[in-house]
Amino acid sequence: MTLLVTRNVSDRMRGFLSSSLLELAPGVYSTPHISPAVRERIWAVVADWFPHEDSASVIMVWADPTVPCGQAVRTLGVPPIKIVAVDGLLTACHVPVL
């Protein structure tokens, strides 16, 4: 399963995501079965459009047995964060803005 959660994104971004994924609640998108190639294309569009967003954030998670906790995470937005493994668990830490 792939889950994508947005905050403060434009109607353009929401329209694209709802055409590709099921919108479960405002800003929460999901799909039970998606190929890695399609997931990468969706993320490429989101990442390409993201610089035009204002005070927005996007997080995408999906099952991946090759990473700690078996769950891969990608993020864009405010505040900038980095996902790190600590004792086998994933945790988010804030990235200092210079």
Protein backbone atom coordinates (compact mmCIF):
# COMPACT_ATOMS: atom_id res chain seq x y z
CA MET A 1 0.00 0.00 0.00
CA THR A 2 1.15 3.53 -0.77
CA LEU A 3 -0.07 6.48 1.31
CA LEU A 4 0.51 10.15 0.47
CA VAL A 5 -0.44 12.98 2.84
CA THR A 6 -0.40 16.65 1.87
CA ARG A 7 -0.74 19.95 3.71
CA ASN A 8 -1.48 23.33 2.10
CA VAL A 9 -0.97 22.18 -1.50
CA SER A 10 -2.57 23.86 -4.50
CA ASP A 11 -5.71 22.70 -6.27
CA ARG A 12 -3.50 21.69 -9.20
CA MET A 13 -1.53 19.28 -6.98
CA ARG A 14 -4.70 17.95 -5.33
CA GLY A 15 -6.32 17.39 -8.73
CA PHE A 16 -3.31 15.47 -10.01
CA LEU A 17 -3.12 13.31 -6.90
CA SER A 18 -6.85 12.55 -6.87
CA SER A 19 -6.62 11.50 -10.53
CA SER A 20 -3.84 9.03 -9.64
CA LEU A 21 -4.81 7.87 -6.13
CA LEU A 22 -7.95 7.50 -4.03
CA GLU A 23 -8.52 10.57 -1.81
CA LEU A 24 -9.60 9.07 1.52
CA ALA A 25 -9.93 12.43 3.30
CA PRO A 26 -8.87 15.95 2.39
CA GLY A 27 -5.16 15.74 1.60
CA VAL A 28 -4.87 11.97 2.29
CA TYR A 29 -4.35 9.73 -0.75
CA SER A 30 -3.93 5.97 -0.95
CA THR A 31 -3.67 3.06 -3.33
CA PRO A 32 -3.48 -0.62 -2.37
CA HIS A 33 -1.50 -1.76 -5.44
CA ILE A 34 0.92 0.42 -7.40
CA SER A 35 4.09 -0.49 -9.24
CA PRO A 36 7.37 1.11 -8.18
CA ALA A 37 7.61 2.76 -11.62
CA VAL A 38 4.21 4.43 -11.26
CA ARG A 39 5.00 5.49 -7.69
CA GLU A 40 8.26 7.06 -8.95
CA ARG A 41 6.42 8.93 -11.73
CA ILE A 42 3.85 10.30 -9.27
CA TRP A 43 6.63 11.44 -6.93
CA ALA A 44 8.55 13.00 -9.85
CA VAL A 45 5.51 15.15 -10.73
CA VAL A 46 4.95 16.11 -7.07
CA ALA A 47 8.64 17.02 -6.62
CA ASP A 48 8.67 18.99 -9.89
CA TRP A 49 5.58 21.02 -8.95
CA PHE A 50 6.51 21.44 -5.28
CA PRO A 51 8.76 24.53 -5.62
CA HIS A 52 5.63 26.46 -6.69
CA GLU A 53 3.81 25.56 -3.46
CA ASP A 54 3.74 27.95 -0.49
CA SER A 55 4.19 26.63 3.09
CA ALA A 56 3.17 23.16 1.95
CA SER A 57 4.34 19.68 2.84
CA VAL A 58 4.00 16.23 1.31
CA ILE A 59 4.89 12.84 2.77
CA MET A 60 4.72 9.50 0.96
CA VAL A 61 5.08 6.11 2.67
CA TRP A 62 5.00 2.58 1.27
CA ALA A 63 6.02 -0.93 2.25
CA ASP A 64 9.68 -1.70 1.47
CA PRO A 65 11.28 -4.73 3.12
CA THR A 66 14.80 -3.46 2.31
CA VAL A 67 14.68 -0.46 4.68
CA PRO A 68 14.48 -0.26 8.51
CA CYS A 69 10.99 -0.99 9.82
CA GLY A 70 9.97 -2.20 6.34
CA GLN A 71 8.51 1.20 5.44
CA ALA A 72 10.06 3.73 3.05
CA VAL A 73 9.38 7.44 3.56
CA ARG A 74 9.82 10.49 1.33
CA THR A 75 9.10 14.06 2.37
CA LEU A 76 8.94 17.54 0.91
CA GLY A 77 8.12 20.72 2.72
CA VAL A 78 8.03 22.76 5.84
CA PRO A 79 9.70 22.13 8.17
CA PRO A 80 12.43 20.22 6.33
CA ILE A 81 12.98 16.83 7.96
CA LYS A 82 15.20 13.85 7.43
CA ILE A 83 14.08 10.30 8.21
CA VAL A 84 16.75 8.30 10.06
CA ALA A 85 16.89 4.85 11.61
CA VAL A 86 17.53 4.78 15.36
CA ASP A 87 17.83 1.36 16.98
CA GLY A 88 15.83 -0.19 14.14
CA LEU A 89 13.04 2.39 14.24
CA LEU A 90 12.39 5.24 11.82
CA THR A 91 12.34 8.71 13.31
CA ALA A 92 12.10 12.20 11.88
CA CYS A 93 14.61 14.87 12.77
CA HIS A 94 14.48 18.50 11.75
CA VAL A 95 17.08 19.68 9.27
CA PRO A 96 18.53 23.07 10.20
CA VAL A 97 17.78 25.74 7.60
CA LEU A 98 20.84 27.82 6.81
